[in-house]
Amino acid sequence: MFLITNILALQTLWGGCAALYFSSTHQRTDAPTISKVLSRTLFVAALIVAVFLLKEQHNIWAVVFSIITMIMMNFILITLIGAHENRSLRVVVYGTVINFALSLMGGVYVA
């Protein structure tokens, strides 16, 4: 059960960070920008889901610090992937695969 919650928490945070990236006018992919209100709503929803998934297994301070770390990692990851790849689907797939591998290695402990 711990592995499943790690995977779900990391993937939802990745989705929220990707939504914020795709709402920017400075993104380098060929995808059209989505509205900022929708992307911020998706990001906040991803934060809430990740907190609820992780709070059952960790202390609340550990959850806060691990989510902050995972968000920073996702923003760095999406910036590096987005700089080298201009197709939006590939950006999402690469990030999903990397986050899935990270969650298999230990998830919040590795990030």
C-alpha atoms as a PDB file:
ATOM      1  CA  MET A   1       0.000   0.000   0.000  1.00  0.00           C
ATOM      2  CA  PHE A   2       2.915   2.321   0.736  1.00  0.00           C
ATOM      3  CA  LEU A   3       4.269   1.954  -2.812  1.00  0.00           C
ATOM      4  CA  ILE A   4       0.894   2.697  -4.382  1.00  0.00           C
ATOM      5  CA  THR A   5       0.421   5.883  -2.360  1.00  0.00           C
ATOM      6  CA  ASN A   6       3.964   6.968  -3.242  1.00  0.00           C
ATOM      7  CA  ILE A   7       3.285   6.430  -6.946  1.00  0.00           C
ATOM      8  CA  LEU A   8      -0.052   8.244  -6.821  1.00  0.00           C
ATOM      9  CA  ALA A   9       1.331  11.175  -4.831  1.00  0.00           C
ATOM     10  CA  LEU A  10       4.299  11.681  -7.151  1.00  0.00           C
ATOM     11  CA  GLN A  11       2.204  11.349 -10.302  1.00  0.00           C
ATOM     12  CA  THR A  12      -0.417  13.819  -9.109  1.00  0.00           C
ATOM     13  CA  LEU A  13       2.275  16.337  -8.207  1.00  0.00           C
ATOM     14  CA  TRP A  14       3.858  15.795 -11.613  1.00  0.00           C
ATOM     15  CA  GLY A  15       0.504  16.465 -13.263  1.00  0.00           C
ATOM     16  CA  GLY A  16       0.024  19.668 -11.277  1.00  0.00           C
ATOM     17  CA  CYS A  17       3.501  20.939 -12.107  1.00  0.00           C
ATOM     18  CA  ALA A  18       3.042  20.042 -15.783  1.00  0.00           C
ATOM     19  CA  ALA A  19      -0.245  21.950 -15.820  1.00  0.00           C
ATOM     20  CA  LEU A  20       1.529  25.045 -14.504  1.00  0.00           C
ATOM     21  CA  TYR A  21       4.242  24.655 -17.132  1.00  0.00           C
ATOM     22  CA  PHE A  22       1.777  24.302 -19.992  1.00  0.00           C
ATOM     23  CA  SER A  23      -0.076  27.440 -18.880  1.00  0.00           C
ATOM     24  CA  SER A  24       3.026  29.573 -19.333  1.00  0.00           C
ATOM     25  CA  THR A  25       3.440  31.637 -22.474  1.00  0.00           C
ATOM     26  CA  HIS A  26       7.183  30.972 -22.319  1.00  0.00           C
ATOM     27  CA  GLN A  27       6.932  27.209 -22.689  1.00  0.00           C
ATOM     28  CA  ARG A  28       8.947  25.755 -25.529  1.00  0.00           C
ATOM     29  CA  THR A  29       6.633  22.944 -26.579  1.00  0.00           C
ATOM     30  CA  ASP A  30       4.209  22.991 -29.484  1.00  0.00           C
ATOM     31  CA  ALA A  31       1.205  22.613 -27.174  1.00  0.00           C
ATOM     32  CA  PRO A  32      -1.245  25.485 -26.921  1.00  0.00           C
ATOM     33  CA  THR A  33      -1.267  27.201 -23.548  1.00  0.00           C
ATOM     34  CA  ILE A  34      -4.057  26.332 -21.163  1.00  0.00           C
ATOM     35  CA  SER A  35      -5.767  28.916 -19.001  1.00  0.00           C
ATOM     36  CA  LYS A  36      -3.971  30.022 -15.865  1.00  0.00           C
ATOM     37  CA  VAL A  37      -7.059  29.564 -13.687  1.00  0.00           C
ATOM     38  CA  LEU A  38      -7.420  25.938 -14.792  1.00  0.00           C
ATOM     39  CA  SER A  39      -3.726  25.202 -14.311  1.00  0.00           C
ATOM     40  CA  ARG A  40      -3.642  26.738 -10.841  1.00  0.00           C
ATOM     41  CA  THR A  41      -6.760  24.809  -9.887  1.00  0.00           C
ATOM     42  CA  LEU A  42      -5.170  21.565 -11.073  1.00  0.00           C
ATOM     43  CA  PHE A  43      -1.967  22.367  -9.174  1.00  0.00           C
ATOM     44  CA  VAL A  44      -3.805  23.083  -5.911  1.00  0.00           C
ATOM     45  CA  ALA A  45      -5.906  19.943  -6.372  1.00  0.00           C
ATOM     46  CA  ALA A  46      -2.709  17.928  -6.917  1.00  0.00           C
ATOM     47  CA  LEU A  47      -1.248  19.382  -3.715  1.00  0.00           C
ATOM     48  CA  ILE A  48      -4.335  18.475  -1.708  1.00  0.00           C
ATOM     49  CA  VAL A  49      -4.452  14.934  -3.107  1.00  0.00           C
ATOM     50  CA  ALA A  50      -0.739  14.409  -2.409  1.00  0.00           C
ATOM     51  CA  VAL A  51      -1.120  15.648   1.175  1.00  0.00           C
ATOM     52  CA  PHE A  52      -4.066  13.335   1.806  1.00  0.00           C
ATOM     53  CA  LEU A  53      -2.202  10.378   0.297  1.00  0.00           C
ATOM     54  CA  LEU A  54       0.983  10.910   2.280  1.00  0.00           C
ATOM     55  CA  LYS A  55      -0.399  12.086   5.630  1.00  0.00           C
ATOM     56  CA  GLU A  56      -1.601   8.603   6.560  1.00  0.00           C
ATOM     57  CA  GLN A  57       1.952   7.273   6.556  1.00  0.00           C
ATOM     58  CA  HIS A  58       4.099  10.224   7.588  1.00  0.00           C
ATOM     59  CA  ASN A  59       4.221  13.045  10.095  1.00  0.00           C
ATOM     60  CA  ILE A  60       2.662  16.264   8.762  1.00  0.00           C
ATOM     61  CA  TRP A  61       6.022  18.063   8.774  1.00  0.00           C
ATOM     62  CA  ALA A  62       7.620  15.248   6.827  1.00  0.00           C
ATOM     63  CA  VAL A  63       4.772  15.474   4.318  1.00  0.00           C
ATOM     64  CA  VAL A  64       5.184  19.244   3.928  1.00  0.00           C
ATOM     65  CA  PHE A  65       8.931  19.082   3.421  1.00  0.00           C
ATOM     66  CA  SER A  66       8.762  16.106   1.066  1.00  0.00           C
ATOM     67  CA  ILE A  67       6.055  17.764  -1.051  1.00  0.00           C
ATOM     68  CA  ILE A  68       8.106  20.963  -1.286  1.00  0.00           C
ATOM     69  CA  THR A  69      11.099  18.884  -2.362  1.00  0.00           C
ATOM     70  CA  MET A  70       9.079  16.956  -4.927  1.00  0.00           C
ATOM     71  CA  ILE A  71       7.622  20.166  -6.375  1.00  0.00           C
ATOM     72  CA  MET A  72      11.090  21.685  -6.743  1.00  0.00           C
ATOM     73  CA  MET A  73      12.327  18.467  -8.365  1.00  0.00           C
ATOM     74  CA  ASN A  74       9.386  18.425 -10.784  1.00  0.00           C
ATOM     75  CA  PHE A  75       9.885  22.044 -11.817  1.00  0.00           C
ATOM     76  CA  ILE A  76      13.585  21.438 -12.465  1.00  0.00           C
ATOM     77  CA  LEU A  77      12.750  18.231 -14.326  1.00  0.00           C
ATOM     78  CA  ILE A  78      10.126  19.849 -16.532  1.00  0.00           C
ATOM     79  CA  THR A  79      12.447  22.752 -17.301  1.00  0.00           C
ATOM     80  CA  LEU A  80      15.260  20.425 -18.352  1.00  0.00           C
ATOM     81  CA  ILE A  81      12.995  18.160 -20.390  1.00  0.00           C
ATOM     82  CA  GLY A  82      11.127  21.084 -21.948  1.00  0.00           C
ATOM     83  CA  ALA A  83      14.383  22.690 -23.072  1.00  0.00           C
ATOM     84  CA  HIS A  84      15.363  19.621 -25.109  1.00  0.00           C
ATOM     85  CA  GLU A  85      11.992  18.345 -26.279  1.00  0.00           C
ATOM     86  CA  ASN A  86       9.420  20.382 -28.173  1.00  0.00           C
ATOM     87  CA  ARG A  87       6.570  17.856 -28.255  1.00  0.00           C
ATOM     88  CA  SER A  88       4.239  18.174 -25.312  1.00  0.00           C
ATOM     89  CA  LEU A  89       3.344  14.480 -25.182  1.00  0.00           C
ATOM     90  CA  ARG A  90       6.988  13.476 -24.893  1.00  0.00           C
ATOM     91  CA  VAL A  91       7.537  15.967 -22.077  1.00  0.00           C
ATOM     92  CA  VAL A  92       4.649  14.442 -20.141  1.00  0.00           C
ATOM     93  CA  VAL A  93       5.720  10.850 -20.857  1.00  0.00           C
ATOM     94  CA  TYR A  94       9.357  11.436 -19.888  1.00  0.00           C
ATOM     95  CA  GLY A  95       8.336  13.091 -16.647  1.00  0.00           C
ATOM     96  CA  THR A  96       5.863  10.323 -15.862  1.00  0.00           C
ATOM     97  CA  VAL A  97       8.494   7.632 -16.413  1.00  0.00           C
ATOM     98  CA  ILE A  98      11.089   9.461 -14.306  1.00  0.00           C
ATOM     99  CA  ASN A  99       8.613  10.049 -11.472  1.00  0.00           C
ATOM    100  CA  PHE A 100       7.489   6.426 -11.617  1.00  0.00           C
ATOM    101  CA  ALA A 101      11.102   5.237 -11.375  1.00  0.00           C
ATOM    102  CA  LEU A 102      11.676   7.660  -8.505  1.00  0.00           C
ATOM    103  CA  SER A 103       8.667   6.300  -6.637  1.00  0.00           C
ATOM    104  CA  LEU A 104       9.943   2.738  -7.089  1.00  0.00           C
ATOM    105  CA  MET A 105      13.313   3.758  -5.627  1.00  0.00           C
ATOM    106  CA  GLY A 106      11.720   5.209  -2.516  1.00  0.00           C
ATOM    107  CA  GLY A 107       9.606   8.164  -3.535  1.00  0.00           C
ATOM    108  CA  VAL A 108       9.517  10.838  -0.877  1.00  0.00           C
ATOM    109  CA  TYR A 109      12.720   9.554   0.689  1.00  0.00           C
ATOM    110  CA  VAL A 110      14.675   9.901  -2.559  1.00  0.00           C
ATOM    111  CA  ALA A 111      13.242  13.212  -3.762  1.00  0.00           C
END
